[in-house]
Amino acid sequence: MRYILNNQEMKKLDYITITDIGIPSMVLMEKAALSVCEEITSRVKKSDKILIVAGIGNNGGDGIAIARLLYDKEYDVRIHILGKEENATEETKLQLRIAHNLGVPIDNIINVSEYNIVVDAIFGIGLTRDVTGHYEKAIRDINEARNTVFAVDIPSGIDGDTGKVRNIAVKADYTITFGYSKIGLMLYPGCEYAGEVKVADIGFATKALDDIRPHTFHYEKEDIRTYLPKRKSDSNKGSFGKVLVIAGSKNMSGACFLSAKAAYITGAGLVKVLTVEENRTIIQTLLPEALLTTYNTEDLLSASKKSMVLNTIENAMEWASVIVIGPGIGMSESSKIIVEKIIRDSKVPTILDADALNLLSSMSEYVKSEQVNGNELYQIQLPENFIITPHMKEMSRLLHVDMDQVREWYYDSTTKEKQVSDCIVVLKDARTLVVNKEKTYINVSGNNGMSTGGSGDVLTGIIAGLIAGGLENYEAAALGVFMHGMAADEKVKEKSTYSLMASDILDGLPHLFKV
């Protein structure tokens, strides 16, 4: 697990390190410059012409120190300062004096296209306004020159908290960020502007991080083995949980198959599929390992037979230690009856996906509205044993807002707390978020080949299998999202993002358990 910090957390980290612990800011600046210099010298030839474009904040001070270190190593390097030097921070003024004393060339008028390497040290993570004026022109010149660009901490113009472009931003090939990754480097479009990101250790004390207690994180490949639920040798099929998959409808058998098989592959001991009678033969053929219970949709709408079907569902719920509901069930009245029963009566971890979410959006008992500052605000009110897995469009239906407002929800942690009560939200997008009231996981695995039918059904099964194996709900949701993307990344090595199918993600999953 790797922490990701927002702007406020980074400022607090700086403050604790410098003021409380006593490590001088110039020491941190020197170590930051050394880490960038090391990255540049590993990739750049002595014959290259290097331009450092520096602002007057501490990010600019980092850039000036980088120039001095490169100059000392006899690289052809120049500094261009944006802004009035008299307004610079004290650390940047000191770095400028040192650079002047050593004779590092500083040019007031430059032609960016004359250099093949550019180091962007204009703004740091604290940018809070749109980029305009001569800063905008400088960034446009950098982007149009098509140099190889190294960004210091974050590409200038990217919002460190959201990844949004503040009017214009540097398009970097490499970003060297300090201490911990930043949210703006993880989310789109910021991650596209950052290029290859390296997190450099510059000496922030672990104690300072303990005081901050960051709540945002991501996983890396080696974390799979660390966080997977352990399997005891003295065990049987009942030791690893029972997953109930309520999915599928007439002519929609694939969803329940994909979800159920994913749960088995991810370690569930037993999987039972509850689906319509029309899917019996298909499921028994495709997945003979699964238990099967079927029902007739007409019986759920019959006054004389409805109680019999509901009793069947109750028995299946009592059997299960984890429930998945929604993939491929459709929007019929019979599906609504089942979804309502599961939401009302389930006491075990329950994952709502696909059609279950669309049905939920019209249930005023669980998606409630209130007036806030003259606006109608909807809140999803589900117990903490529930996990919902909407993509952006499904989330817009749940919150009764347009897609632009969903994206604001995506970035704004305060709004998240207002609009979701106790359940866990897996908001699926190019950078999927897993959110509860305490933590936010940002997923960095996966590829655009996953934008295909059935991919989400596989995800629900993975999460359910991990919960069945012993993980807590939140950890299972976060690790499940990561493994889902990693499995797709494994298969893309053999196929391509054009031809990837949901069943390929199933095939990629077993490779992850060998890490």
Protein backbone atom coordinates (compact mmCIF):
# COMPACT_ATOMS: atom_id res chain seq x y z
CA MET A 1 0.00 0.00 0.00
CA ARG A 2 1.26 3.46 -0.94
CA TYR A 3 -0.17 6.67 0.50
CA ILE A 4 -1.31 9.51 -1.76
CA LEU A 5 -1.38 12.99 -0.24
CA ASN A 6 -3.49 16.03 -1.00
CA ASN A 7 -2.21 19.62 -0.86
CA GLN A 8 -3.25 20.21 2.74
CA GLU A 9 -1.58 17.00 3.90
CA MET A 10 1.64 17.90 2.08
CA LYS A 11 1.68 21.34 3.68
CA LYS A 12 1.20 19.74 7.08
CA LEU A 13 3.96 17.22 6.31
CA ASP A 14 6.32 20.07 5.41
CA TYR A 15 5.38 21.99 8.55
CA ILE A 16 5.87 19.05 10.93
CA THR A 17 9.17 18.07 9.29
CA ILE A 18 10.60 21.59 9.28
CA THR A 19 9.09 23.18 12.39
CA ASP A 20 8.37 20.35 14.83
CA ILE A 21 11.11 17.89 13.90
CA GLY A 22 13.65 20.54 12.92
CA ILE A 23 14.87 19.42 9.49
CA PRO A 24 15.68 22.67 7.63
CA SER A 25 13.69 23.33 4.47
CA MET A 26 16.95 23.84 2.55
CA VAL A 27 17.94 20.28 3.42
CA LEU A 28 14.68 19.00 1.94
CA MET A 29 15.20 21.21 -1.12
CA GLU A 30 18.72 19.89 -1.67
CA LYS A 31 17.56 16.28 -1.39
CA ALA A 32 14.71 17.00 -3.80
CA ALA A 33 17.12 18.55 -6.28
CA LEU A 34 19.52 15.62 -5.95
CA SER A 35 16.73 13.11 -6.67
CA VAL A 36 15.68 14.97 -9.83
CA CYS A 37 19.29 15.43 -10.90
CA GLU A 38 19.89 11.69 -10.53
CA GLU A 39 16.87 10.92 -12.70
CA ILE A 40 17.93 13.41 -15.38
CA THR A 41 21.55 12.27 -15.55
CA SER A 42 20.40 8.66 -15.97
CA ARG A 43 18.50 9.65 -19.12
CA VAL A 44 20.30 12.67 -20.59
CA LYS A 45 23.57 12.96 -22.52
CA LYS A 46 26.24 15.58 -21.87
CA SER A 47 25.65 16.86 -25.40
CA ASP A 48 22.01 17.72 -24.63
CA LYS A 49 20.99 21.32 -24.03
CA ILE A 50 19.00 21.66 -20.80
CA LEU A 51 16.67 24.51 -19.85
CA ILE A 52 15.37 24.91 -16.30
CA VAL A 53 12.17 27.00 -16.26
CA ALA A 54 11.74 28.11 -12.64
CA GLY A 55 9.05 30.02 -10.83
CA ILE A 56 9.65 32.10 -7.72
CA GLY A 57 8.14 29.69 -5.19
CA ASN A 58 9.95 26.77 -3.59
CA ASN A 59 9.29 24.64 -6.68
CA GLY A 60 11.41 27.17 -8.54
CA GLY A 61 14.04 26.89 -5.80
CA ASP A 62 14.15 23.15 -6.46
CA GLY A 63 14.68 23.88 -10.15
CA ILE A 64 17.52 26.35 -9.53
CA ALA A 65 19.24 23.81 -7.27
CA ILE A 66 18.84 21.18 -10.00
CA ALA A 67 20.48 23.54 -12.50
CA ARG A 68 23.40 24.15 -10.15
CA LEU A 69 23.96 20.41 -9.61
CA LEU A 70 23.84 19.72 -13.34
CA TYR A 71 26.16 22.63 -14.06
CA ASP A 72 28.63 21.25 -11.51
CA LYS A 73 28.56 17.97 -13.45
CA GLU A 74 29.43 19.92 -16.62
CA TYR A 75 26.05 19.65 -18.33
CA ASP A 76 25.00 22.42 -20.74
CA VAL A 77 22.30 23.98 -18.60
CA ARG A 78 20.52 27.36 -18.44
CA ILE A 79 18.00 28.84 -15.99
CA HIS A 80 15.02 30.96 -17.01
CA ILE A 81 13.16 32.67 -14.14
CA LEU A 82 9.43 33.40 -14.41
CA GLY A 83 8.38 36.13 -12.03
CA LYS A 84 10.09 38.91 -10.12
CA GLU A 85 13.08 37.70 -8.14
CA GLU A 86 12.39 40.14 -5.31
CA ASN A 87 9.07 38.31 -4.71
CA ALA A 88 10.68 34.91 -4.46
CA THR A 89 10.61 32.78 -1.30
CA GLU A 90 13.65 33.04 0.98
CA GLU A 91 14.82 29.55 0.00
CA THR A 92 14.58 30.40 -3.70
CA LYS A 93 16.45 33.66 -3.20
CA LEU A 94 19.23 31.71 -1.48
CA GLN A 95 19.37 29.18 -4.31
CA LEU A 96 19.59 32.05 -6.79
CA ARG A 97 22.53 33.61 -4.89
CA ILE A 98 24.36 30.29 -4.90
CA ALA A 99 23.71 29.87 -8.62
CA HIS A 100 24.97 33.41 -9.32
CA ASN A 101 28.09 32.80 -7.23
CA LEU A 102 28.89 29.63 -9.16
CA GLY A 103 28.29 31.25 -12.54
CA VAL A 104 25.29 29.14 -13.57
CA PRO A 105 23.92 30.84 -16.72
CA ILE A 106 20.60 32.64 -16.16
CA ASP A 107 18.84 33.90 -19.30
CA ASN A 108 16.00 36.42 -19.23
CA ILE A 109 15.03 35.86 -22.87
CA ILE A 110 14.98 32.32 -24.17
CA ASN A 111 13.79 30.29 -27.14
CA VAL A 112 12.56 27.00 -25.74
CA SER A 113 12.94 25.23 -29.07
CA GLU A 114 16.73 25.68 -28.85
CA TYR A 115 16.81 23.15 -25.98
CA ASN A 116 16.04 19.45 -26.23
CA ILE A 117 15.60 18.94 -22.47
CA VAL A 118 13.31 21.13 -20.33
CA VAL A 119 12.86 20.94 -16.57
CA ASP A 120 9.51 22.33 -15.42
CA ALA A 121 9.87 23.95 -11.98
CA ILE A 122 7.29 26.72 -12.39
CA PHE A 123 4.56 25.78 -9.92
CA GLY A 124 4.31 23.15 -7.22
CA ILE A 125 1.28 21.34 -5.90
CA GLY A 126 -0.20 24.42 -4.23
CA LEU A 127 -1.52 26.03 -7.42
CA THR A 128 -5.02 27.38 -6.66
CA ARG A 129 -5.74 29.60 -9.66
CA ASP A 130 -5.85 29.31 -13.43
CA VAL A 131 -2.58 29.81 -15.29
CA THR A 132 -2.57 33.04 -17.28
CA GLY A 133 -0.25 35.74 -18.63
CA HIS A 134 3.45 35.03 -19.14
CA TYR A 135 3.12 31.75 -17.24
CA GLU A 136 0.55 30.56 -19.75
CA LYS A 137 2.82 31.59 -22.64
CA ALA A 138 5.82 29.80 -21.13
CA ILE A 139 3.88 26.56 -20.70
CA ARG A 140 2.49 26.79 -24.22
CA ASP A 141 6.02 27.31 -25.55
CA ILE A 142 7.23 24.24 -23.65
CA ASN A 143 4.41 22.07 -24.99
CA GLU A 144 4.80 23.27 -28.56
CA ALA A 145 8.58 22.76 -28.59
CA ARG A 146 8.17 18.99 -28.10
CA ASN A 147 11.25 18.69 -25.91
CA THR A 148 11.79 15.90 -23.42
CA VAL A 149 10.25 17.37 -20.26
CA PHE A 150 10.98 16.56 -16.62
CA ALA A 151 8.42 17.96 -14.15
CA VAL A 152 9.47 18.78 -10.59
CA ASP A 153 6.93 17.36 -8.10
CA ILE A 154 3.92 17.88 -10.43
CA PRO A 155 3.47 19.25 -13.97
CA SER A 156 2.85 22.98 -13.68
CA GLY A 157 -0.81 23.80 -14.23
CA ILE A 158 -2.17 20.55 -12.78
CA ASP A 159 -4.29 20.88 -9.65
CA GLY A 160 -2.62 18.75 -6.98
CA ASP A 161 -5.94 17.82 -5.36
CA THR A 162 -8.01 16.91 -8.42
CA GLY A 163 -5.78 16.32 -11.44
CA LYS A 164 -7.67 19.05 -13.31
CA VAL A 165 -5.89 21.35 -15.76
CA ARG A 166 -5.90 24.95 -14.55
CA ASN A 167 -6.39 26.43 -18.03
CA ILE A 168 -3.10 25.01 -19.34
CA ALA A 169 -0.52 22.55 -18.02
CA VAL A 170 2.91 21.23 -18.89
CA LYS A 171 2.89 17.89 -20.70
CA ALA A 172 5.75 16.04 -19.07
CA ASP A 173 7.52 12.88 -20.09
CA TYR A 174 8.75 12.26 -16.54
CA THR A 175 7.59 13.57 -13.18
CA ILE A 176 9.71 13.24 -10.05
CA THR A 177 7.47 13.82 -7.05
CA PHE A 178 8.68 14.10 -3.48
CA GLY A 179 7.94 11.93 -0.47
CA TYR A 180 4.57 10.59 -1.53
CA SER A 181 2.49 10.60 -4.67
CA LYS A 182 -0.11 13.32 -5.10
CA ILE A 183 -3.79 12.92 -5.89
CA GLY A 184 -3.40 15.16 -8.95
CA LEU A 185 -0.84 12.73 -10.39
CA MET A 186 -3.24 9.81 -10.01
CA LEU A 187 -6.48 11.17 -11.45
CA TYR A 188 -7.27 12.06 -15.05
CA PRO A 189 -6.26 14.19 -16.80
CA GLY A 190 -3.32 14.91 -14.48
CA CYS A 191 -1.90 11.41 -14.79
CA GLU A 192 -1.75 11.80 -18.59
CA TYR A 193 0.21 15.05 -18.25
CA ALA A 194 2.64 13.54 -15.72
CA GLY A 195 4.12 10.86 -17.96
CA GLU A 196 6.22 8.33 -16.04
CA VAL A 197 6.06 9.13 -12.34
CA LYS A 198 8.80 8.41 -9.82
CA VAL A 199 8.31 9.01 -6.09
CA ALA A 200 11.60 10.17 -4.54
CA ASP A 201 12.45 9.86 -0.85
CA ILE A 202 13.74 13.26 0.30
CA GLY A 203 13.77 12.64 4.05
CA PHE A 204 10.26 13.23 5.36
CA ALA A 205 10.15 11.53 8.75
CA THR A 206 7.80 8.59 9.28
CA LYS A 207 6.67 10.27 12.50
CA ALA A 208 5.32 13.19 10.49
CA LEU A 209 3.21 10.84 8.37
CA ASP A 210 1.86 9.18 11.50
CA ASP A 211 0.66 12.57 12.72
CA ILE A 212 -1.08 13.30 9.42
CA ARG A 213 -2.79 9.91 9.02
CA PRO A 214 -3.50 10.22 5.28
CA HIS A 215 -6.68 8.53 4.09
CA THR A 216 -5.93 8.09 0.37
CA PHE A 217 -3.83 5.23 -1.02
CA HIS A 218 -3.17 2.88 -3.93
CA TYR A 219 -1.79 -0.61 -4.37
CA GLU A 220 1.19 -1.96 -6.29
CA LYS A 221 1.62 -5.47 -7.66
CA GLU A 222 3.56 -6.83 -4.69
CA ASP A 223 0.70 -5.82 -2.37
CA ILE A 224 -1.51 -8.60 -3.73
CA ARG A 225 0.40 -11.28 -1.88
CA THR A 226 0.52 -9.16 1.28
CA TYR A 227 -3.21 -8.49 1.50
CA LEU A 228 -4.76 -11.65 0.05
CA PRO A 229 -6.70 -13.61 2.69
CA LYS A 230 -4.60 -16.48 4.02
CA ARG A 231 -5.71 -20.07 3.41
CA LYS A 232 -5.14 -22.65 6.15
CA SER A 233 -4.05 -26.17 5.27
CA ASP A 234 -6.60 -27.62 7.71
CA SER A 235 -9.69 -26.46 5.80
CA ASN A 236 -12.60 -27.55 3.63
CA LYS A 237 -14.98 -25.93 1.16
CA GLY A 238 -16.98 -24.48 4.03
CA SER A 239 -13.91 -22.70 5.36
CA PHE A 240 -13.78 -20.15 2.57
CA GLY A 241 -17.24 -18.67 2.54
CA LYS A 242 -20.44 -19.03 0.56
CA VAL A 243 -21.24 -16.56 -2.21
CA LEU A 244 -24.80 -16.11 -3.45
CA VAL A 245 -24.98 -14.56 -6.93
CA ILE A 246 -28.46 -13.25 -7.77
CA ALA A 247 -28.11 -12.38 -11.43
CA GLY A 248 -29.29 -12.95 -14.95
CA SER A 249 -32.65 -12.86 -16.68
CA LYS A 250 -34.12 -14.43 -19.79
CA ASN A 251 -31.55 -14.17 -22.60
CA MET A 252 -29.03 -12.68 -20.10
CA SER A 253 -27.20 -15.69 -18.68
CA GLY A 254 -23.64 -14.43 -19.13
CA ALA A 255 -23.69 -11.98 -16.21
CA CYS A 256 -24.35 -14.62 -13.55
CA PHE A 257 -21.77 -16.97 -15.08
CA LEU A 258 -19.03 -14.31 -15.13
CA SER A 259 -19.72 -13.12 -11.58
CA ALA A 260 -20.01 -16.64 -10.14
CA LYS A 261 -16.87 -17.93 -11.84
CA ALA A 262 -14.89 -14.88 -10.71
CA ALA A 263 -15.93 -15.58 -7.11
CA TYR A 264 -14.71 -19.17 -7.41
CA ILE A 265 -11.41 -18.17 -9.01
CA THR A 266 -10.83 -15.60 -6.26
CA GLY A 267 -11.11 -18.23 -3.56
CA ALA A 268 -14.75 -18.68 -2.53
CA GLY A 269 -15.47 -22.15 -1.14
CA LEU A 270 -19.01 -22.41 -2.49
CA VAL A 271 -20.95 -20.33 -5.00
CA LYS A 272 -24.70 -20.53 -5.53
CA VAL A 273 -26.40 -18.89 -8.51
CA LEU A 274 -29.98 -17.71 -8.05
CA THR A 275 -31.40 -16.96 -11.47
CA VAL A 276 -34.45 -17.40 -13.69
CA GLU A 277 -35.46 -20.92 -14.73
CA GLU A 278 -34.54 -20.16 -18.38
CA ASN A 279 -30.85 -20.03 -17.41
CA ARG A 280 -30.72 -23.45 -15.74
CA THR A 281 -29.19 -25.47 -18.56
CA ILE A 282 -26.71 -22.76 -19.55
CA ILE A 283 -25.33 -22.28 -16.03
CA GLN A 284 -25.16 -26.01 -15.30
CA THR A 285 -23.21 -26.46 -18.55
CA LEU A 286 -20.85 -23.49 -18.23
CA LEU A 287 -20.22 -23.71 -14.50
CA PRO A 288 -21.03 -27.18 -13.11
CA GLU A 289 -19.15 -26.32 -9.90
CA ALA A 290 -21.86 -23.83 -8.91
CA LEU A 291 -24.95 -24.67 -6.89
CA LEU A 292 -28.11 -23.52 -8.62
CA THR A 293 -31.51 -22.25 -7.52
CA THR A 294 -34.01 -20.95 -10.05
CA TYR A 295 -37.35 -19.16 -10.00
CA ASN A 296 -40.08 -18.16 -12.46
CA THR A 297 -40.62 -14.44 -12.82
CA GLU A 298 -44.36 -14.97 -13.28
CA ASP A 299 -44.54 -16.59 -9.84
CA LEU A 300 -43.19 -13.44 -8.19
CA LEU A 301 -46.07 -11.50 -9.71
CA SER A 302 -48.67 -14.06 -8.67
CA ALA A 303 -50.54 -13.47 -5.43
CA SER A 304 -50.71 -17.22 -4.74
CA LYS A 305 -47.10 -18.10 -5.61
CA LYS A 306 -45.13 -15.01 -4.59
CA SER A 307 -44.56 -16.17 -1.01
CA MET A 308 -43.13 -19.47 -2.25
CA VAL A 309 -40.48 -17.66 -4.34
CA LEU A 310 -39.67 -15.26 -1.51
CA ASN A 311 -39.21 -18.23 0.81
CA THR A 312 -36.72 -19.69 -1.70
CA ILE A 313 -34.83 -16.40 -1.70
CA GLU A 314 -34.84 -16.26 2.10
CA ASN A 315 -33.36 -19.76 2.31
CA ALA A 316 -30.61 -18.77 -0.13
CA MET A 317 -29.88 -15.62 1.90
CA GLU A 318 -29.61 -17.62 5.13
CA TRP A 319 -27.13 -19.95 3.41
CA ALA A 320 -24.88 -17.13 2.12
CA SER A 321 -22.00 -15.35 3.80
CA VAL A 322 -21.75 -12.87 0.89
CA ILE A 323 -24.41 -11.75 -1.62
CA VAL A 324 -24.04 -10.30 -5.12
CA ILE A 325 -27.16 -8.92 -6.75
CA GLY A 326 -27.80 -7.05 -9.97
CA PRO A 327 -25.76 -8.25 -12.96
CA GLY A 328 -28.15 -8.86 -15.85
CA ILE A 329 -31.35 -9.07 -13.76
CA GLY A 330 -33.12 -6.43 -15.83
CA MET A 331 -35.53 -3.71 -14.74
CA SER A 332 -38.72 -5.76 -14.44
CA GLU A 333 -41.15 -5.63 -11.55
CA SER A 334 -40.04 -9.09 -10.43
CA SER A 335 -36.41 -7.92 -10.28
CA LYS A 336 -37.48 -4.91 -8.23
CA ILE A 337 -39.21 -7.19 -5.71
CA ILE A 338 -36.03 -9.23 -5.25
CA VAL A 339 -33.76 -6.18 -4.95
CA GLU A 340 -36.06 -4.61 -2.37
CA LYS A 341 -36.05 -7.81 -0.32
CA ILE A 342 -32.27 -8.12 -0.39
CA ILE A 343 -31.75 -4.49 0.64
CA ARG A 344 -34.35 -4.75 3.39
CA ASP A 345 -33.30 -8.11 4.88
CA SER A 346 -29.63 -8.79 4.13
CA LYS A 347 -27.35 -8.84 7.16
CA VAL A 348 -24.24 -10.16 5.37
CA PRO A 349 -21.86 -8.26 3.05
CA THR A 350 -23.92 -7.43 -0.04
CA ILE A 351 -22.73 -6.06 -3.38
CA LEU A 352 -25.22 -4.13 -5.51
CA ASP A 353 -24.31 -3.79 -9.17
CA ALA A 354 -25.76 -2.94 -12.57
CA ASP A 355 -29.58 -3.24 -12.73
CA ALA A 356 -29.83 -3.41 -8.93
CA LEU A 357 -28.36 0.11 -8.84
CA ASN A 358 -30.74 1.40 -11.49
CA LEU A 359 -33.66 -0.04 -9.52
CA LEU A 360 -32.24 1.42 -6.30
CA SER A 361 -32.22 4.92 -7.81
CA SER A 362 -36.03 4.99 -7.78
CA MET A 363 -36.40 3.67 -4.20
CA SER A 364 -37.06 6.74 -2.07
CA GLU A 365 -36.63 4.72 1.11
CA TYR A 366 -32.91 4.31 0.35
CA VAL A 367 -32.13 7.27 -1.92
CA LYS A 368 -33.54 10.26 -0.05
CA SER A 369 -33.66 13.91 -1.01
CA GLU A 370 -33.37 17.04 1.11
CA GLN A 371 -33.13 20.75 0.47
CA VAL A 372 -29.61 22.14 0.99
CA ASN A 373 -29.10 25.86 0.30
CA GLY A 374 -32.10 25.84 -2.00
CA ASN A 375 -30.91 22.81 -3.98
CA GLU A 376 -32.28 19.29 -3.87
CA LEU A 377 -29.53 16.95 -2.64
CA TYR A 378 -29.91 13.18 -2.81
CA GLN A 379 -28.25 10.84 -0.32
CA ILE A 380 -27.72 7.11 -0.67
CA GLN A 381 -28.73 5.59 2.66
CA LEU A 382 -27.63 1.97 2.88
CA PRO A 383 -26.19 0.08 5.86
CA GLU A 384 -22.45 -0.49 6.23
CA ASN A 385 -22.71 -4.12 5.05
CA PHE A 386 -23.50 -2.88 1.52
CA ILE A 387 -21.07 -2.20 -1.33
CA ILE A 388 -22.36 -0.41 -4.44
CA THR A 389 -20.39 -0.51 -7.70
CA PRO A 390 -21.76 2.17 -10.06
CA HIS A 391 -20.08 3.49 -13.14
CA MET A 392 -20.42 7.22 -13.77
CA LYS A 393 -23.80 7.01 -15.53
CA GLU A 394 -25.26 4.77 -12.84
CA MET A 395 -23.99 7.19 -10.20
CA SER A 396 -25.69 10.07 -11.98
CA ARG A 397 -28.98 8.17 -11.74
CA LEU A 398 -28.45 7.42 -8.06
CA LEU A 399 -27.69 11.03 -7.16
CA HIS A 400 -30.19 12.44 -9.68
CA VAL A 401 -27.59 14.76 -11.19
CA ASP A 402 -25.90 15.16 -14.57
CA MET A 403 -22.50 13.68 -15.40
CA ASP A 404 -20.62 16.93 -14.75
CA GLN A 405 -21.94 16.98 -11.19
CA VAL A 406 -20.91 13.35 -10.73
CA ARG A 407 -17.38 14.34 -11.66
CA GLU A 408 -17.47 17.07 -9.01
CA TRP A 409 -18.57 14.39 -6.55
CA TYR A 410 -15.62 12.32 -7.75
CA TYR A 411 -13.18 15.06 -6.75
CA ASP A 412 -14.89 16.56 -3.68
CA SER A 413 -14.51 14.56 -0.47
CA THR A 414 -16.91 16.85 1.41
CA THR A 415 -19.71 16.11 -1.07
CA LYS A 416 -18.98 12.38 -0.79
CA GLU A 417 -19.68 12.48 2.94
CA LYS A 418 -22.92 14.38 2.37
CA GLN A 419 -24.29 12.09 -0.32
CA VAL A 420 -23.40 8.60 0.91
CA SER A 421 -24.18 7.35 4.40
CA ASP A 422 -22.52 4.16 5.65
CA CYS A 423 -22.06 1.96 2.59
CA ILE A 424 -18.92 1.56 0.47
CA VAL A 425 -18.90 3.09 -3.01
CA VAL A 426 -16.85 1.63 -5.85
CA LEU A 427 -17.12 4.40 -8.44
CA LYS A 428 -15.94 2.84 -11.70
CA ASP A 429 -14.07 4.99 -14.19
CA ALA A 430 -10.66 5.12 -15.87
CA ARG A 431 -9.38 5.74 -12.34
CA THR A 432 -11.81 3.84 -10.12
CA LEU A 433 -12.32 5.14 -6.57
CA VAL A 434 -13.29 3.03 -3.56
CA VAL A 435 -14.74 5.33 -0.93
CA ASN A 436 -16.12 5.12 2.56
CA LYS A 437 -16.23 7.74 5.33
CA GLU A 438 -12.64 7.10 6.39
CA LYS A 439 -10.65 6.13 3.29
CA THR A 440 -10.28 6.61 -0.44
CA TYR A 441 -8.54 4.08 -2.67
CA ILE A 442 -7.46 5.26 -6.13
CA ASN A 443 -6.93 2.44 -8.60
CA VAL A 444 -4.02 2.60 -11.04
CA SER A 445 -4.30 -0.84 -12.66
CA GLY A 446 -6.24 -1.75 -15.79
CA ASN A 447 -6.57 -0.52 -19.36
CA ASN A 448 -9.18 0.68 -21.82
CA GLY A 449 -9.77 -2.86 -23.09
CA MET A 450 -11.89 -3.32 -19.97
CA SER A 451 -14.53 -1.04 -21.50
CA THR A 452 -16.48 -4.06 -22.64
CA GLY A 453 -19.63 -5.93 -21.66
CA GLY A 454 -19.30 -8.21 -18.64
CA SER A 455 -16.22 -6.58 -17.15
CA GLY A 456 -18.20 -5.22 -14.20
CA ASP A 457 -19.79 -8.62 -13.58
CA VAL A 458 -16.33 -10.10 -13.13
CA LEU A 459 -15.47 -7.36 -10.63
CA THR A 460 -18.47 -8.12 -8.40
CA GLY A 461 -17.44 -11.76 -8.25
CA ILE A 462 -13.84 -10.90 -7.38
CA ILE A 463 -14.91 -8.68 -4.49
CA ALA A 464 -17.35 -11.30 -3.24
CA GLY A 465 -14.71 -14.03 -3.40
CA LEU A 466 -12.26 -11.95 -1.38
CA ILE A 467 -14.88 -11.23 1.29
CA ALA A 468 -15.80 -14.91 1.41
CA GLY A 469 -12.11 -15.70 1.94
CA GLY A 470 -11.92 -13.47 4.99
CA LEU A 471 -11.16 -9.88 3.95
CA GLU A 472 -13.11 -7.00 5.45
CA ASN A 473 -15.55 -5.34 3.04
CA TYR A 474 -13.51 -2.21 2.30
CA GLU A 475 -10.21 -4.05 1.86
CA ALA A 476 -11.92 -6.59 -0.42
CA ALA A 477 -13.45 -3.84 -2.56
CA ALA A 478 -10.14 -1.98 -2.95
CA LEU A 479 -7.99 -5.06 -3.56
CA GLY A 480 -10.68 -6.52 -5.83
CA VAL A 481 -10.63 -3.43 -8.05
CA PHE A 482 -6.83 -3.60 -8.23
CA MET A 483 -6.79 -7.32 -9.07
CA HIS A 484 -9.52 -6.82 -11.67
CA GLY A 485 -7.31 -4.29 -13.47
CA MET A 486 -4.14 -6.35 -13.03
CA ALA A 487 -5.82 -9.42 -14.53
CA ALA A 488 -6.78 -7.34 -17.56
CA ASP A 489 -3.22 -6.02 -17.81
CA GLU A 490 -1.92 -9.60 -17.79
CA LYS A 491 -4.16 -10.62 -20.70
CA VAL A 492 -3.45 -7.51 -22.76
CA LYS A 493 0.15 -8.74 -23.01
CA GLU A 494 -1.20 -11.64 -25.10
CA LYS A 495 -4.07 -9.92 -26.88
CA SER A 496 -4.76 -6.19 -27.24
CA THR A 497 -7.02 -3.56 -25.75
CA TYR A 498 -9.15 -3.86 -28.90
CA SER A 499 -9.90 -7.55 -28.46
CA LEU A 500 -10.01 -7.95 -24.67
CA MET A 501 -13.20 -9.63 -23.37
CA ALA A 502 -14.59 -10.10 -19.88
CA SER A 503 -13.79 -13.82 -20.03
CA ASP A 504 -10.15 -12.88 -20.64
CA ILE A 505 -10.12 -11.08 -17.29
CA LEU A 506 -11.26 -14.34 -15.70
CA ASP A 507 -8.34 -16.09 -17.41
CA GLY A 508 -5.91 -13.45 -16.14
CA LEU A 509 -6.90 -13.79 -12.49
CA PRO A 510 -5.02 -17.04 -11.66
CA HIS A 511 -1.70 -15.42 -12.66
CA LEU A 512 -2.06 -12.91 -9.81
CA PHE A 513 -2.02 -15.56 -7.10
CA LYS A 514 1.49 -16.55 -8.16
CA VAL A 515 2.98 -13.12 -7.37
